Structure formats: structure tokens, C-alpha cells
Amino acid sequence: MSWAREFVELDKKRHDRSTFDCGEDELNDFIKTKAAKHMAAGISRTMVLPAVTPFADGKYPLCSFYAIAPSQIERATLPEALAKRLPHYPIPVFLIAQLAVHKEYKGEGLGKITLIKALEHLFKVNAHMKAYAVVVDCLNQAAQDFYAKFGFEILCSHNDRTRMFMPMGTVEQLFL
């Protein structure tokens, strides 16, 4: 099964969420039960990469997805060299809240593609609503290793997870 050319916003009527399996229960549960509710509530936006061919019911299986949301971090969590140039109140950031690839596509570079598309999306949003950085809360060591490979740096521990960040200045360099 091959994936489509573009990420699109999750649509419960067009996308089959029930068969998505990335091997992580928390991420599977998010796309199956929470993503659409969070979008309806205005909490986050979930973008999906559907397969090219639909199932018999007309719904498209999902190859990967990412969810993004506005967030904030405390100035004190940043390295001192960065923090000293920032105000003393919470700093606006973009959060990649979820990012997952169906296990059928593991090892094919789709994780990298999905991350790049998420960063590109946030780069475009940043043109209209500024944020200092992109942050991720790593589900496990494999996720931490994945984000580190693409230049994310450890920021702090948040909700018993390693929080990593990439300044928007770095993201801008990727797309300018």
C-alpha cells in the first residue's frame, strides 16, 4: 500500500482510524478516539497522510499523522544563553503533540517525512502567529533518539517525559 502525496486534515468521514497501528497504544488511542474530539474542541489540529487506495467502504487507511497545538514553556527551562534574551513570562511555543507512522511503513523514511511536514506546517503558521520554538514530549527513548537525530535538544522533564525543543530560527533555516 502506498501513501498519498499530501497531508490533509483528519476527516472522520473519509479516513479510517480504526485500523491504524503504530505499535504504541497511546498513539493508537489518540488517533482512534481523541484526535477528532480535540479538533472539534479547538485544542489541536491533526493532519494525516492517507493511503492512495481506499478500503471497500470508501474510507482511506492512515499511513501516518501528526497533531499540533499552541503551548508555552517557562523561561527558566531554557538554557541560560537563550533564556537571558527572553521576557520573564511564559514563552509561546508550538507543540507537536503526537506524531506516528503505521508500523507497516516503519523503516521507509515516513517518520522523517511526517516530521518535516509538521515542521513545515508550523513554519507557515509562524508567519502569522509567532512562537519561540517547537517542542515535543517524548513517549520513550526511541522517540527521544528520533527527534535528537533531527536536531531537537533536551529542554526539561515534563509530565514524566523528556521535553525537547527546536528554536523557530532553526526551523526557518530549513525552509528559507
N, C-alpha and C. Protein backbone atom coordinates (compact mmCIF):
# COMPACT_ATOMS: atom_id res chain seq x y z
N MET A 1 0.85 -1.18 0.00
CA MET A 1 0.00 0.00 0.00
C MET A 1 0.90 1.24 0.00
N SER A 2 0.61 2.18 -0.85
CA SER A 2 1.43 3.39 -0.91
C SER A 2 0.65 4.58 -0.37
N TRP A 3 1.41 5.60 0.04
CA TRP A 3 0.77 6.77 0.65
C TRP A 3 0.52 7.86 -0.37
N ALA A 4 -0.42 8.76 0.00
CA ALA A 4 -0.79 9.88 -0.85
C ALA A 4 0.35 10.90 -0.91
N ARG A 5 0.16 11.92 -1.71
CA ARG A 5 1.22 12.92 -1.88
C ARG A 5 1.15 14.04 -0.85
N GLU A 6 0.00 14.25 -0.24
CA GLU A 6 -0.18 15.39 0.65
C GLU A 6 -0.80 14.97 1.98
N PHE A 7 -0.41 15.67 3.03
CA PHE A 7 -1.09 15.54 4.32
C PHE A 7 -2.35 16.39 4.25
N VAL A 8 -3.42 15.88 4.83
CA VAL A 8 -4.70 16.59 4.87
C VAL A 8 -5.24 16.54 6.30
N GLU A 9 -6.15 17.45 6.60
CA GLU A 9 -6.74 17.45 7.92
C GLU A 9 -7.59 16.19 8.11
N LEU A 10 -7.52 15.61 9.30
CA LEU A 10 -8.29 14.42 9.62
C LEU A 10 -9.78 14.67 9.40
N ASP A 11 -10.41 13.76 8.72
CA ASP A 11 -11.85 13.81 8.46
C ASP A 11 -12.42 12.43 8.79
N LYS A 12 -13.22 12.35 9.86
CA LYS A 12 -13.77 11.06 10.30
C LYS A 12 -14.57 10.36 9.20
N LYS A 13 -15.17 11.11 8.31
CA LYS A 13 -15.99 10.51 7.26
C LYS A 13 -15.14 9.91 6.13
N ARG A 14 -13.93 10.42 5.95
CA ARG A 14 -13.08 9.97 4.84
C ARG A 14 -11.92 9.07 5.27
N HIS A 15 -11.52 9.16 6.52
CA HIS A 15 -10.32 8.44 6.97
C HIS A 15 -10.66 7.34 7.97
N ASP A 16 -10.11 6.17 7.72
CA ASP A 16 -10.31 5.04 8.62
C ASP A 16 -9.26 5.08 9.72
N ARG A 17 -9.71 5.42 10.92
CA ARG A 17 -8.79 5.50 12.06
C ARG A 17 -8.67 4.16 12.78
N SER A 18 -9.67 3.31 12.61
CA SER A 18 -9.75 2.08 13.41
C SER A 18 -8.64 1.09 13.11
N THR A 19 -8.07 1.12 11.92
CA THR A 19 -7.02 0.15 11.56
C THR A 19 -5.61 0.69 11.77
N PHE A 20 -5.49 1.93 12.25
CA PHE A 20 -4.15 2.48 12.46
C PHE A 20 -3.47 1.77 13.61
N ASP A 21 -2.22 1.36 13.39
CA ASP A 21 -1.44 0.72 14.44
C ASP A 21 0.04 1.05 14.24
N CYS A 22 0.55 1.85 15.14
CA CYS A 22 1.97 2.21 15.09
C CYS A 22 2.79 1.40 16.08
N GLY A 23 2.11 0.56 16.86
CA GLY A 23 2.81 -0.23 17.86
C GLY A 23 2.84 0.40 19.25
N GLU A 24 2.30 1.62 19.38
CA GLU A 24 2.24 2.33 20.66
C GLU A 24 0.78 2.58 21.01
N ASP A 25 0.30 1.96 22.07
CA ASP A 25 -1.11 2.07 22.44
C ASP A 25 -1.57 3.51 22.62
N GLU A 26 -0.74 4.34 23.23
CA GLU A 26 -1.13 5.72 23.50
C GLU A 26 -1.37 6.50 22.20
N LEU A 27 -0.51 6.30 21.22
CA LEU A 27 -0.67 6.99 19.94
C LEU A 27 -1.84 6.41 19.14
N ASN A 28 -2.01 5.09 19.18
CA ASN A 28 -3.14 4.46 18.50
C ASN A 28 -4.45 4.97 19.09
N ASP A 29 -4.52 5.03 20.42
CA ASP A 29 -5.73 5.52 21.08
C ASP A 29 -6.02 6.97 20.72
N PHE A 30 -4.97 7.78 20.63
CA PHE A 30 -5.17 9.19 20.28
C PHE A 30 -5.86 9.32 18.93
N ILE A 31 -5.32 8.68 17.90
CA ILE A 31 -5.89 8.86 16.55
C ILE A 31 -7.28 8.23 16.46
N LYS A 32 -7.51 7.15 17.18
CA LYS A 32 -8.79 6.45 17.09
C LYS A 32 -9.90 7.13 17.89
N THR A 33 -9.57 7.72 19.04
CA THR A 33 -10.63 8.21 19.93
C THR A 33 -10.55 9.68 20.32
N LYS A 34 -9.39 10.30 20.19
CA LYS A 34 -9.25 11.66 20.72
C LYS A 34 -9.00 12.74 19.67
N ALA A 35 -8.33 12.42 18.59
CA ALA A 35 -7.91 13.44 17.62
C ALA A 35 -9.08 14.27 17.11
N ALA A 36 -10.14 13.62 16.67
CA ALA A 36 -11.30 14.35 16.13
C ALA A 36 -11.97 15.18 17.22
N LYS A 37 -12.06 14.66 18.42
CA LYS A 37 -12.66 15.41 19.54
C LYS A 37 -11.82 16.64 19.87
N HIS A 38 -10.50 16.48 19.88
CA HIS A 38 -9.62 17.62 20.17
C HIS A 38 -9.73 18.68 19.09
N MET A 39 -9.88 18.26 17.85
CA MET A 39 -10.05 19.23 16.76
C MET A 39 -11.37 19.98 16.93
N ALA A 40 -12.43 19.26 17.24
CA ALA A 40 -13.74 19.89 17.42
C ALA A 40 -13.73 20.88 18.57
N ALA A 41 -12.96 20.57 19.61
CA ALA A 41 -12.87 21.45 20.77
C ALA A 41 -11.88 22.60 20.57
N GLY A 42 -11.14 22.59 19.47
CA GLY A 42 -10.17 23.65 19.22
C GLY A 42 -8.89 23.48 20.00
N ILE A 43 -8.58 22.27 20.44
CA ILE A 43 -7.39 22.01 21.24
C ILE A 43 -6.16 21.79 20.37
N SER A 44 -6.34 21.06 19.28
CA SER A 44 -5.22 20.75 18.40
C SER A 44 -5.74 20.52 16.99
N ARG A 45 -4.81 20.37 16.08
CA ARG A 45 -5.15 20.07 14.69
C ARG A 45 -4.36 18.83 14.29
N THR A 46 -5.05 17.85 13.74
CA THR A 46 -4.41 16.61 13.33
C THR A 46 -4.40 16.51 11.81
N MET A 47 -3.21 16.31 11.29
CA MET A 47 -3.02 16.15 9.85
C MET A 47 -2.63 14.69 9.59
N VAL A 48 -3.23 14.10 8.56
CA VAL A 48 -2.99 12.69 8.26
C VAL A 48 -2.47 12.52 6.85
N LEU A 49 -1.72 11.45 6.66
CA LEU A 49 -1.27 11.06 5.33
C LEU A 49 -2.00 9.76 5.00
N PRO A 50 -3.05 9.87 4.18
CA PRO A 50 -3.81 8.67 3.85
C PRO A 50 -3.11 7.80 2.81
N ALA A 51 -3.54 6.57 2.72
CA ALA A 51 -3.07 5.69 1.65
C ALA A 51 -3.71 6.15 0.34
N VAL A 52 -3.14 5.74 -0.76
CA VAL A 52 -3.67 6.11 -2.07
C VAL A 52 -4.99 5.38 -2.35
N THR A 53 -5.08 4.13 -1.94
CA THR A 53 -6.24 3.29 -2.24
C THR A 53 -7.15 3.15 -1.02
N PRO A 54 -8.45 3.44 -1.18
CA PRO A 54 -9.38 3.29 -0.06
C PRO A 54 -9.76 1.83 0.18
N PHE A 55 -10.31 1.59 1.36
CA PHE A 55 -10.90 0.29 1.67
C PHE A 55 -12.21 0.15 0.90
N ALA A 56 -12.83 -1.01 0.97
CA ALA A 56 -14.10 -1.27 0.27
C ALA A 56 -15.20 -0.30 0.70
N ASP A 57 -15.13 0.19 1.95
CA ASP A 57 -16.15 1.11 2.44
C ASP A 57 -15.92 2.55 1.98
N GLY A 58 -14.86 2.78 1.22
CA GLY A 58 -14.56 4.11 0.71
C GLY A 58 -13.66 4.95 1.60
N LYS A 59 -13.39 4.48 2.81
CA LYS A 59 -12.51 5.22 3.71
C LYS A 59 -11.06 4.86 3.43
N TYR A 60 -10.20 5.86 3.62
CA TYR A 60 -8.77 5.67 3.37
C TYR A 60 -8.04 5.30 4.65
N PRO A 61 -7.22 4.25 4.60
CA PRO A 61 -6.38 3.94 5.76
C PRO A 61 -5.34 5.03 5.96
N LEU A 62 -4.84 5.16 7.18
CA LEU A 62 -3.86 6.18 7.51
C LEU A 62 -2.46 5.58 7.54
N CYS A 63 -1.54 6.26 6.88
CA CYS A 63 -0.14 5.82 6.86
C CYS A 63 0.65 6.49 7.99
N SER A 64 0.35 7.76 8.26
CA SER A 64 0.99 8.49 9.35
C SER A 64 0.14 9.69 9.71
N PHE A 65 0.47 10.31 10.83
CA PHE A 65 -0.23 11.53 11.24
C PHE A 65 0.63 12.34 12.18
N TYR A 66 0.26 13.60 12.32
CA TYR A 66 0.83 14.45 13.36
C TYR A 66 -0.26 15.36 13.87
N ALA A 67 -0.16 15.72 15.14
CA ALA A 67 -1.09 16.66 15.78
C ALA A 67 -0.26 17.80 16.35
N ILE A 68 -0.73 19.02 16.13
CA ILE A 68 -0.02 20.20 16.60
C ILE A 68 -0.95 21.08 17.42
N ALA A 69 -0.35 21.86 18.30
CA ALA A 69 -1.14 22.75 19.17
C ALA A 69 -0.26 23.90 19.65
N PRO A 70 -0.88 25.02 19.98
CA PRO A 70 -0.11 26.08 20.64
C PRO A 70 0.17 25.67 22.08
N SER A 71 1.26 26.17 22.63
CA SER A 71 1.60 25.84 24.01
C SER A 71 2.51 26.94 24.54
N GLN A 72 3.07 26.70 25.70
CA GLN A 72 4.02 27.64 26.29
C GLN A 72 5.00 26.90 27.17
N ILE A 73 6.15 27.51 27.36
CA ILE A 73 7.16 26.96 28.26
C ILE A 73 7.61 28.06 29.21
N GLU A 74 8.17 27.67 30.31
CA GLU A 74 8.71 28.64 31.26
C GLU A 74 10.12 29.02 30.81
N ARG A 75 10.42 30.26 30.91
CA ARG A 75 11.74 30.79 30.53
C ARG A 75 12.85 30.02 31.24
N ALA A 76 12.63 29.68 32.47
CA ALA A 76 13.66 29.01 33.29
C ALA A 76 14.04 27.63 32.77
N THR A 77 13.21 27.02 31.93
CA THR A 77 13.55 25.69 31.41
C THR A 77 14.54 25.76 30.26
N LEU A 78 14.72 26.92 29.68
CA LEU A 78 15.64 27.08 28.55
C LEU A 78 17.08 27.20 29.02
N PRO A 79 18.03 26.82 28.16
CA PRO A 79 19.44 27.06 28.50
C PRO A 79 19.66 28.54 28.78
N GLU A 80 20.51 28.85 29.74
CA GLU A 80 20.71 30.23 30.19
C GLU A 80 21.06 31.19 29.05
N ALA A 81 21.87 30.74 28.11
CA ALA A 81 22.27 31.60 26.99
C ALA A 81 21.07 32.04 26.16
N LEU A 82 20.06 31.18 26.04
CA LEU A 82 18.85 31.53 25.30
C LEU A 82 17.87 32.30 26.18
N ALA A 83 17.75 31.89 27.43
CA ALA A 83 16.76 32.48 28.33
C ALA A 83 17.04 33.95 28.63
N LYS A 84 18.30 34.33 28.71
CA LYS A 84 18.62 35.71 29.12
C LYS A 84 18.11 36.75 28.13
N ARG A 85 17.80 36.35 26.91
CA ARG A 85 17.29 37.30 25.92
C ARG A 85 15.76 37.32 25.84
N LEU A 86 15.11 36.57 26.71
CA LEU A 86 13.65 36.44 26.64
C LEU A 86 12.98 37.07 27.86
N PRO A 87 11.71 37.43 27.73
CA PRO A 87 10.99 38.03 28.86
C PRO A 87 10.78 37.02 30.00
N HIS A 88 10.37 37.53 31.14
CA HIS A 88 10.22 36.71 32.35
C HIS A 88 8.83 36.09 32.49
N TYR A 89 8.07 36.02 31.44
CA TYR A 89 6.75 35.38 31.49
C TYR A 89 6.76 34.18 30.54
N PRO A 90 5.73 33.33 30.59
CA PRO A 90 5.73 32.13 29.74
C PRO A 90 5.98 32.47 28.26
N ILE A 91 6.74 31.61 27.61
CA ILE A 91 7.18 31.81 26.24
C ILE A 91 6.29 30.97 25.31
N PRO A 92 5.69 31.60 24.29
CA PRO A 92 4.83 30.82 23.37
C PRO A 92 5.66 29.88 22.50
N VAL A 93 5.16 28.68 22.35
CA VAL A 93 5.80 27.66 21.50
C VAL A 93 4.71 26.90 20.76
N PHE A 94 5.13 26.14 19.76
CA PHE A 94 4.26 25.18 19.10
C PHE A 94 4.60 23.80 19.63
N LEU A 95 3.59 23.00 19.87
CA LEU A 95 3.77 21.64 20.38
C LEU A 95 3.41 20.64 19.28
N ILE A 96 4.35 19.77 18.95
CA ILE A 96 3.98 18.59 18.16
C ILE A 96 3.49 17.60 19.20
N ALA A 97 2.17 17.55 19.35
CA ALA A 97 1.57 16.78 20.43
C ALA A 97 1.62 15.28 20.17
N GLN A 98 1.50 14.90 18.92
CA GLN A 98 1.53 13.48 18.55
C GLN A 98 2.16 13.38 17.17
N LEU A 99 2.88 12.30 16.93
CA LEU A 99 3.43 12.00 15.61
C LEU A 99 3.63 10.50 15.57
N ALA A 100 3.04 9.87 14.54
CA ALA A 100 3.14 8.41 14.47
C ALA A 100 3.08 7.93 13.02
N VAL A 101 3.71 6.79 12.80
CA VAL A 101 3.73 6.14 11.50
C VAL A 101 3.18 4.73 11.67
N HIS A 102 2.28 4.32 10.78
CA HIS A 102 1.75 2.96 10.83
C HIS A 102 2.92 1.98 10.74
N LYS A 103 2.87 0.93 11.53
CA LYS A 103 4.02 0.01 11.59
C LYS A 103 4.31 -0.66 10.26
N GLU A 104 3.36 -0.70 9.35
CA GLU A 104 3.60 -1.25 8.02
C GLU A 104 4.65 -0.44 7.26
N TYR A 105 4.83 0.83 7.63
CA TYR A 105 5.75 1.72 6.92
C TYR A 105 7.03 2.02 7.69
N LYS A 106 7.24 1.37 8.81
CA LYS A 106 8.46 1.60 9.59
C LYS A 106 9.69 1.27 8.74
N GLY A 107 10.70 2.12 8.85
CA GLY A 107 11.93 1.89 8.12
C GLY A 107 11.93 2.40 6.69
N GLU A 108 10.86 3.06 6.27
CA GLU A 108 10.77 3.56 4.90
C GLU A 108 10.96 5.08 4.81
N GLY A 109 11.33 5.70 5.93
CA GLY A 109 11.56 7.15 5.92
C GLY A 109 10.31 7.98 6.13
N LEU A 110 9.19 7.35 6.42
CA LEU A 110 7.95 8.11 6.58
C LEU A 110 7.93 8.91 7.88
N GLY A 111 8.64 8.47 8.90
CA GLY A 111 8.74 9.26 10.13
C GLY A 111 9.42 10.59 9.85
N LYS A 112 10.51 10.55 9.11
CA LYS A 112 11.23 11.77 8.73
C LYS A 112 10.33 12.68 7.89
N ILE A 113 9.63 12.11 6.92
CA ILE A 113 8.73 12.89 6.07
C ILE A 113 7.64 13.55 6.92
N THR A 114 7.08 12.79 7.85
CA THR A 114 6.00 13.31 8.69
C THR A 114 6.51 14.45 9.56
N LEU A 115 7.69 14.29 10.15
CA LEU A 115 8.26 15.35 10.96
C LEU A 115 8.54 16.59 10.12
N ILE A 116 9.10 16.42 8.95
CA ILE A 116 9.38 17.57 8.08
C ILE A 116 8.09 18.29 7.72
N LYS A 117 7.04 17.54 7.41
CA LYS A 117 5.76 18.17 7.07
C LYS A 117 5.17 18.91 8.27
N ALA A 118 5.33 18.35 9.47
CA ALA A 118 4.85 19.03 10.67
C ALA A 118 5.62 20.33 10.88
N LEU A 119 6.93 20.28 10.73
CA LEU A 119 7.75 21.48 10.89
C LEU A 119 7.43 22.51 9.81
N GLU A 120 7.22 22.06 8.59
CA GLU A 120 6.86 22.97 7.51
C GLU A 120 5.52 23.65 7.79
N HIS A 121 4.57 22.88 8.30
CA HIS A 121 3.26 23.42 8.67
C HIS A 121 3.43 24.51 9.73
N LEU A 122 4.22 24.22 10.75
CA LEU A 122 4.43 25.19 11.82
C LEU A 122 5.22 26.40 11.35
N PHE A 123 6.14 26.21 10.42
CA PHE A 123 6.86 27.32 9.81
C PHE A 123 5.88 28.29 9.15
N LYS A 124 4.89 27.74 8.44
CA LYS A 124 3.89 28.57 7.76
C LYS A 124 2.99 29.28 8.78
N VAL A 125 2.60 28.57 9.83
CA VAL A 125 1.78 29.19 10.88
C VAL A 125 2.55 30.32 11.55
N ASN A 126 3.84 30.12 11.75
CA ASN A 126 4.68 31.11 12.42
C ASN A 126 4.72 32.45 11.68
N ALA A 127 4.45 32.43 10.40
CA ALA A 127 4.40 33.67 9.63
C ALA A 127 3.23 34.55 10.08
N HIS A 128 2.21 33.94 10.69
CA HIS A 128 1.00 34.66 11.11
C HIS A 128 0.85 34.76 12.62
N MET A 129 1.41 33.79 13.34
CA MET A 129 1.31 33.75 14.79
C MET A 129 2.65 33.25 15.32
N LYS A 130 3.44 34.13 15.82
CA LYS A 130 4.81 33.82 16.22
C LYS A 130 4.89 32.93 17.46
N ALA A 131 5.90 32.08 17.44
CA ALA A 131 6.24 31.25 18.59
C ALA A 131 7.76 31.18 18.65
N TYR A 132 8.29 30.91 19.83
CA TYR A 132 9.74 30.88 20.01
C TYR A 132 10.37 29.59 19.50
N ALA A 133 9.65 28.47 19.68
CA ALA A 133 10.25 27.17 19.36
C ALA A 133 9.15 26.15 19.09
N VAL A 134 9.59 24.97 18.66
CA VAL A 134 8.73 23.80 18.55
C VAL A 134 9.18 22.85 19.65
N VAL A 135 8.22 22.32 20.41
CA VAL A 135 8.56 21.37 21.46
C VAL A 135 7.85 20.04 21.22
N VAL A 136 8.44 18.98 21.74
CA VAL A 136 7.86 17.64 21.70
C VAL A 136 8.07 17.01 23.07
N ASP A 137 7.12 16.21 23.50
CA ASP A 137 7.25 15.44 24.73
C ASP A 137 7.41 13.98 24.31
N CYS A 138 8.58 13.43 24.54
CA CYS A 138 8.93 12.11 24.02
C CYS A 138 8.27 10.99 24.83
N LEU A 139 7.59 10.12 24.12
CA LEU A 139 6.90 8.99 24.72
C LEU A 139 7.87 7.98 25.33
N ASN A 140 9.04 7.84 24.70
CA ASN A 140 10.01 6.85 25.15
C ASN A 140 11.39 7.21 24.60
N GLN A 141 12.37 6.37 24.89
CA GLN A 141 13.74 6.64 24.45
C GLN A 141 13.86 6.61 22.93
N ALA A 142 13.12 5.74 22.26
CA ALA A 142 13.17 5.67 20.80
C ALA A 142 12.71 7.00 20.20
N ALA A 143 11.66 7.58 20.77
CA ALA A 143 11.18 8.89 20.28
C ALA A 143 12.23 9.96 20.54
N GLN A 144 12.85 9.92 21.70
CA GLN A 144 13.90 10.90 22.03
C GLN A 144 15.05 10.78 21.04
N ASP A 145 15.46 9.57 20.73
CA ASP A 145 16.54 9.35 19.77
C ASP A 145 16.14 9.86 18.39
N PHE A 146 14.90 9.63 18.00
CA PHE A 146 14.39 10.09 16.70
C PHE A 146 14.49 11.61 16.59
N TYR A 147 13.95 12.32 17.56
CA TYR A 147 13.95 13.78 17.50
C TYR A 147 15.37 14.35 17.60
N ALA A 148 16.22 13.73 18.41
CA ALA A 148 17.60 14.19 18.54
C ALA A 148 18.33 14.08 17.20
N LYS A 149 18.03 13.04 16.46
CA LYS A 149 18.67 12.84 15.15
C LYS A 149 18.38 14.00 14.20
N PHE A 150 17.25 14.69 14.41
CA PHE A 150 16.86 15.79 13.54
C PHE A 150 17.11 17.16 14.16
N GLY A 151 17.89 17.20 15.25
CA GLY A 151 18.33 18.47 15.79
C GLY A 151 17.57 18.99 17.00
N PHE A 152 16.60 18.25 17.51
CA PHE A 152 15.92 18.68 18.73
C PHE A 152 16.86 18.48 19.91
N GLU A 153 16.79 19.39 20.86
CA GLU A 153 17.64 19.34 22.05
C GLU A 153 16.78 19.13 23.29
N ILE A 154 17.34 18.48 24.29
CA ILE A 154 16.61 18.26 25.54
C ILE A 154 16.38 19.60 26.23
N LEU A 155 15.17 19.81 26.68
CA LEU A 155 14.79 21.04 27.37
C LEU A 155 14.63 20.77 28.86
N CYS A 156 13.77 19.81 29.20
CA CYS A 156 13.48 19.52 30.61
C CYS A 156 12.65 18.24 30.68
N SER A 157 12.28 17.88 31.89
CA SER A 157 11.33 16.80 32.09
C SER A 157 9.96 17.44 32.26
N HIS A 158 8.95 16.88 31.59
CA HIS A 158 7.60 17.43 31.65
C HIS A 158 6.61 16.27 31.69
N ASN A 159 5.83 16.18 32.77
CA ASN A 159 4.87 15.08 32.93
C ASN A 159 5.55 13.71 32.78
N ASP A 160 6.70 13.57 33.41
CA ASP A 160 7.48 12.33 33.39
C ASP A 160 7.97 11.93 32.00
N ARG A 161 8.09 12.90 31.12
CA ARG A 161 8.61 12.66 29.78
C ARG A 161 9.74 13.65 29.50
N THR A 162 10.61 13.29 28.61
CA THR A 162 11.65 14.21 28.19
C THR A 162 11.06 15.18 27.19
N ARG A 163 11.14 16.46 27.51
CA ARG A 163 10.66 17.51 26.59
C ARG A 163 11.87 17.99 25.80
N MET A 164 11.72 18.04 24.49
CA MET A 164 12.79 18.50 23.62
C MET A 164 12.29 19.72 22.84
N PHE A 165 13.23 20.50 22.30
CA PHE A 165 12.82 21.70 21.57
C PHE A 165 13.74 21.98 20.40
N MET A 166 13.20 22.75 19.46
CA MET A 166 13.96 23.29 18.35
C MET A 166 13.52 24.73 18.17
N PRO A 167 14.43 25.70 18.29
CA PRO A 167 14.04 27.10 18.11
C PRO A 167 13.45 27.34 16.71
N MET A 168 12.49 28.26 16.62
CA MET A 168 11.89 28.57 15.33
C MET A 168 12.93 29.12 14.36
N GLY A 169 13.97 29.76 14.86
CA GLY A 169 15.05 30.22 13.99
C GLY A 169 15.69 29.07 13.24
N THR A 170 15.84 27.94 13.90
CA THR A 170 16.39 26.74 13.26
C THR A 170 15.40 26.19 12.25
N VAL A 171 14.10 26.16 12.63
CA VAL A 171 13.07 25.68 11.70
C VAL A 171 13.05 26.55 10.45
N GLU A 172 13.15 27.87 10.63
CA GLU A 172 13.14 28.78 9.49
C GLU A 172 14.29 28.49 8.54
N GLN A 173 15.45 28.15 9.07
CA GLN A 173 16.59 27.84 8.21
C GLN A 173 16.33 26.63 7.32
N LEU A 174 15.46 25.72 7.76
CA LEU A 174 15.14 24.54 6.98
C LEU A 174 14.32 24.88 5.74
N PHE A 175 13.52 25.95 5.82
CA PHE A 175 12.56 26.23 4.75
C PHE A 175 12.78 27.53 4.01
N LEU A 176 13.79 28.28 4.38
CA LEU A 176 14.08 29.53 3.64
C LEU A 176 15.11 29.30 2.56
